[in-house]
Amino acid sequence: MMKSISCFFVGRNIYSTFLHLTLLVLAIEVAILAKQNHELKEKIGQSLESLKIGDYFAMDDLVSLQPDYRIDSTSRYLLFIFTTTCPFCKQNLEHWNQVANKTWESNTHKLGISLDGVDETSRYLKDNNVVFPVVCSRDAKNFQKKNKIEIVPTTVARNDVGKVENMWAGLLNQKEIQEVIDACSHKLNH
């Protein structure tokens, strides 16, 4: 009887020790992974260059979905950049329509730029109310890289010499909607 009781406690002690060692090893692994994750994020952040005010915004490889719409690279534009699968882009669509309707008579052209293909974008436009013209990029990855687009939705105010005057990344809030409307109302600087 005494032998079975001592085995019971010794066995339990070994189990407890094993459990504690396992938890310690896992805690060390989590700490190492967290450090590596932090270092990786820093490296990625340093290697990515995002669009900023004053950058040139290229519109040379865009394809119009409306046969009569032509892009004039010497005009001022308010650009609405989106994908057809992005839920925040769909939410922003209402804000962009609001901006387009309120600034219709300004001399700033409003233009949606889809980062998806013509077929996907055409279906998207049929299913959603869009009050501004929309174009697609011939090569979305190259377009995003060239214009440093990392986030969708993105709203860009581009002046008549092709430079970014202002930009808003992500879902627009009420203050930003007013800023976008104001950007259309004021002459953009060169």
Protein backbone atom coordinates (compact mmCIF):
# COMPACT_ATOMS: atom_id res chain seq x y z
CA MET A 1 0.00 0.00 0.00
CA MET A 2 2.77 2.42 0.92
CA LYS A 3 4.56 1.67 -2.36
CA SER A 4 1.45 2.47 -4.41
CA ILE A 5 0.95 5.75 -2.56
CA SER A 6 4.59 6.78 -3.11
CA CYS A 7 4.30 5.92 -6.84
CA PHE A 8 1.17 8.02 -6.98
CA PHE A 9 2.96 11.10 -5.60
CA VAL A 10 6.19 10.54 -7.53
CA GLY A 11 4.21 10.01 -10.73
CA ARG A 12 2.27 13.17 -10.06
CA ASN A 13 5.43 15.08 -9.35
CA ILE A 14 6.95 13.99 -12.66
CA TYR A 15 3.77 14.92 -14.51
CA SER A 16 3.71 18.34 -12.84
CA THR A 17 7.37 18.92 -13.62
CA PHE A 18 6.84 17.88 -17.25
CA LEU A 19 3.82 20.20 -17.53
CA HIS A 20 5.78 23.14 -16.09
CA LEU A 21 8.71 22.52 -18.43
CA THR A 22 6.36 22.32 -21.42
CA LEU A 23 4.72 25.62 -20.46
CA LEU A 24 8.13 27.24 -20.00
CA VAL A 25 9.28 26.07 -23.46
CA LEU A 26 6.04 27.37 -25.03
CA ALA A 27 6.42 30.73 -23.28
CA ILE A 28 9.97 31.06 -24.60
CA GLU A 29 8.80 30.17 -28.12
CA VAL A 30 6.02 32.79 -27.94
CA ALA A 31 8.52 35.43 -26.82
CA ILE A 32 10.90 34.55 -29.68
CA LEU A 33 8.07 34.61 -32.25
CA ALA A 34 6.81 37.96 -30.94
CA LYS A 35 10.31 39.44 -31.28
CA GLN A 36 10.70 38.05 -34.81
CA ASN A 37 7.25 39.37 -35.77
CA HIS A 38 8.16 42.85 -34.50
CA GLU A 39 11.46 42.82 -36.42
CA LEU A 40 9.70 41.66 -39.60
CA LYS A 41 7.08 44.42 -39.33
CA GLU A 42 9.85 47.00 -38.94
CA LYS A 43 11.65 45.68 -42.04
CA ILE A 44 8.43 45.67 -44.08
CA GLY A 45 7.56 49.16 -42.92
CA GLN A 46 10.97 50.42 -43.99
CA SER A 47 10.85 48.70 -47.37
CA LEU A 48 7.38 49.84 -48.41
CA GLU A 49 7.01 53.33 -49.78
CA SER A 50 3.48 54.65 -49.60
CA LEU A 51 1.82 57.37 -51.66
CA LYS A 52 2.22 60.84 -50.22
CA ILE A 53 1.40 64.44 -51.03
CA GLY A 54 3.60 65.76 -53.85
CA ASP A 55 4.11 62.37 -55.51
CA TYR A 56 3.31 61.99 -59.20
CA PHE A 57 0.19 59.86 -59.78
CA ALA A 58 0.31 58.00 -63.11
CA MET A 59 -2.92 57.36 -65.01
CA ASP A 60 -1.46 56.10 -68.28
CA ASP A 61 -2.49 52.42 -68.14
CA LEU A 62 -6.17 52.86 -67.30
CA VAL A 63 -8.97 51.40 -69.42
CA SER A 64 -12.36 53.10 -69.51
CA LEU A 65 -15.48 50.99 -69.02
CA GLN A 66 -17.58 53.63 -70.79
CA PRO A 67 -16.68 53.90 -74.49
CA ASP A 68 -17.20 57.68 -74.61
CA TYR A 69 -15.13 58.50 -71.51
CA ARG A 70 -11.59 59.78 -72.06
CA ILE A 71 -9.04 60.53 -69.36
CA ASP A 72 -7.45 63.96 -69.67
CA SER A 73 -4.08 63.82 -67.90
CA THR A 74 -3.97 67.64 -67.77
CA SER A 75 -7.16 67.91 -65.70
CA ARG A 76 -7.72 67.90 -61.96
CA TYR A 77 -9.11 64.64 -60.61
CA LEU A 78 -10.59 63.23 -57.47
CA LEU A 79 -9.77 59.52 -57.64
CA PHE A 80 -11.66 56.78 -55.81
CA ILE A 81 -9.47 53.64 -55.75
CA PHE A 82 -11.17 50.36 -54.84
CA THR A 83 -11.53 46.64 -55.39
CA THR A 84 -14.81 44.87 -56.00
CA THR A 85 -14.29 42.46 -53.11
CA CYS A 86 -13.34 44.98 -50.41
CA PRO A 87 -16.17 45.50 -47.86
CA PHE A 88 -14.74 48.91 -46.83
CA CYS A 89 -14.68 49.98 -50.49
CA LYS A 90 -18.37 49.12 -50.77
CA GLN A 91 -19.09 51.16 -47.63
CA ASN A 92 -17.03 54.04 -49.01
CA LEU A 93 -19.00 53.93 -52.27
CA GLU A 94 -21.88 55.74 -50.55
CA HIS A 95 -19.47 58.47 -49.37
CA TRP A 96 -17.89 58.79 -52.81
CA ASN A 97 -21.32 59.09 -54.43
CA GLN A 98 -22.16 61.81 -51.89
CA VAL A 99 -18.95 63.70 -52.71
CA ALA A 100 -19.52 63.33 -56.46
CA ASN A 101 -23.12 64.58 -56.20
CA LYS A 102 -22.18 67.57 -54.01
CA THR A 103 -19.26 68.61 -56.23
CA TRP A 104 -20.69 67.79 -59.64
CA GLU A 105 -20.29 71.33 -60.95
CA SER A 106 -16.71 71.80 -59.75
CA ASN A 107 -13.91 71.65 -62.30
CA THR A 108 -12.47 68.56 -60.61
CA HIS A 109 -13.25 65.33 -62.46
CA LYS A 110 -14.37 62.40 -60.31
CA LEU A 111 -13.09 59.00 -61.36
CA GLY A 112 -13.27 55.54 -59.83
CA ILE A 113 -10.28 53.28 -60.37
CA SER A 114 -10.93 49.56 -59.92
CA LEU A 115 -7.98 47.31 -59.20
CA ASP A 116 -9.96 44.37 -60.59
CA GLY A 117 -10.51 43.28 -64.17
CA VAL A 118 -13.06 44.70 -66.58
CA ASP A 119 -15.53 41.80 -66.17
CA GLU A 120 -15.53 41.86 -62.36
CA THR A 121 -15.78 45.64 -62.30
CA SER A 122 -18.62 45.69 -64.86
CA ARG A 123 -20.61 43.22 -62.72
CA TYR A 124 -19.87 45.30 -59.62
CA LEU A 125 -21.12 48.46 -61.31
CA LYS A 126 -24.36 46.73 -62.36
CA ASP A 127 -24.98 45.63 -58.76
CA ASN A 128 -24.10 48.96 -57.14
CA ASN A 129 -25.18 52.54 -57.69
CA VAL A 130 -22.13 54.47 -58.91
CA VAL A 131 -22.61 58.09 -60.04
CA PHE A 132 -19.08 58.68 -61.39
CA PRO A 133 -17.15 57.11 -64.29
CA VAL A 134 -15.00 54.08 -63.49
CA VAL A 135 -11.85 52.76 -65.15
CA CYS A 136 -9.69 49.67 -64.61
CA SER A 137 -5.96 49.25 -64.68
CA ARG A 138 -4.48 47.04 -67.38
CA ASP A 139 -2.04 45.67 -64.79
CA ALA A 140 -3.31 46.27 -61.25
CA LYS A 141 -0.13 45.07 -59.51
CA ASN A 142 2.06 47.38 -61.59
CA PHE A 143 -0.42 50.26 -61.14
CA GLN A 144 -0.40 49.78 -57.35
CA LYS A 145 3.40 49.58 -57.25
CA LYS A 146 3.93 52.59 -59.52
CA ASN A 147 1.47 54.75 -57.56
CA LYS A 148 2.40 53.29 -54.15
CA ILE A 149 -1.17 52.21 -53.37
CA GLU A 150 -1.08 49.96 -50.32
CA ILE A 151 -4.59 50.39 -48.95
CA VAL A 152 -8.05 50.30 -50.46
CA PRO A 153 -10.23 52.23 -50.38
CA THR A 154 -8.07 55.27 -51.09
CA THR A 155 -9.27 58.71 -52.13
CA VAL A 156 -6.73 60.91 -53.97
CA ALA A 157 -6.91 64.57 -55.02
CA ARG A 158 -4.64 64.90 -58.09
CA ASN A 159 -3.84 68.27 -59.65
CA ASP A 160 -3.63 69.13 -63.36
CA VAL A 161 0.10 68.37 -63.55
CA GLY A 162 -0.39 64.91 -62.08
CA LYS A 163 0.75 65.46 -58.51
CA VAL A 164 -1.06 64.29 -55.39
CA GLU A 165 -2.47 67.27 -53.50
CA ASN A 166 -4.17 65.27 -50.78
CA MET A 167 -5.14 61.71 -49.99
CA TRP A 168 -7.30 59.78 -47.58
CA ALA A 169 -6.57 56.09 -46.99
CA GLY A 170 -9.32 53.79 -45.74
CA LEU A 171 -12.98 54.33 -44.97
CA LEU A 172 -13.88 58.04 -44.94
CA ASN A 173 -15.41 59.50 -41.80
CA GLN A 174 -17.69 62.57 -41.80
CA LYS A 175 -14.80 65.03 -41.26
CA GLU A 176 -12.84 63.49 -44.14
CA ILE A 177 -15.88 63.55 -46.43
CA GLN A 178 -16.06 67.31 -45.87
CA GLU A 179 -12.30 67.61 -46.52
CA VAL A 180 -12.74 65.77 -49.83
CA ILE A 181 -15.65 68.05 -50.79
CA ASP A 182 -13.54 71.09 -49.88
CA ALA A 183 -10.64 69.75 -51.98
CA CYS A 184 -12.94 69.82 -55.02
CA SER A 185 -14.13 73.33 -54.24
CA HIS A 186 -10.67 74.90 -53.96
CA LYS A 187 -8.17 75.22 -56.75
CA LEU A 188 -5.46 72.66 -56.20
CA ASN A 189 -1.89 73.94 -56.16
CA HIS A 190 0.76 72.90 -58.69
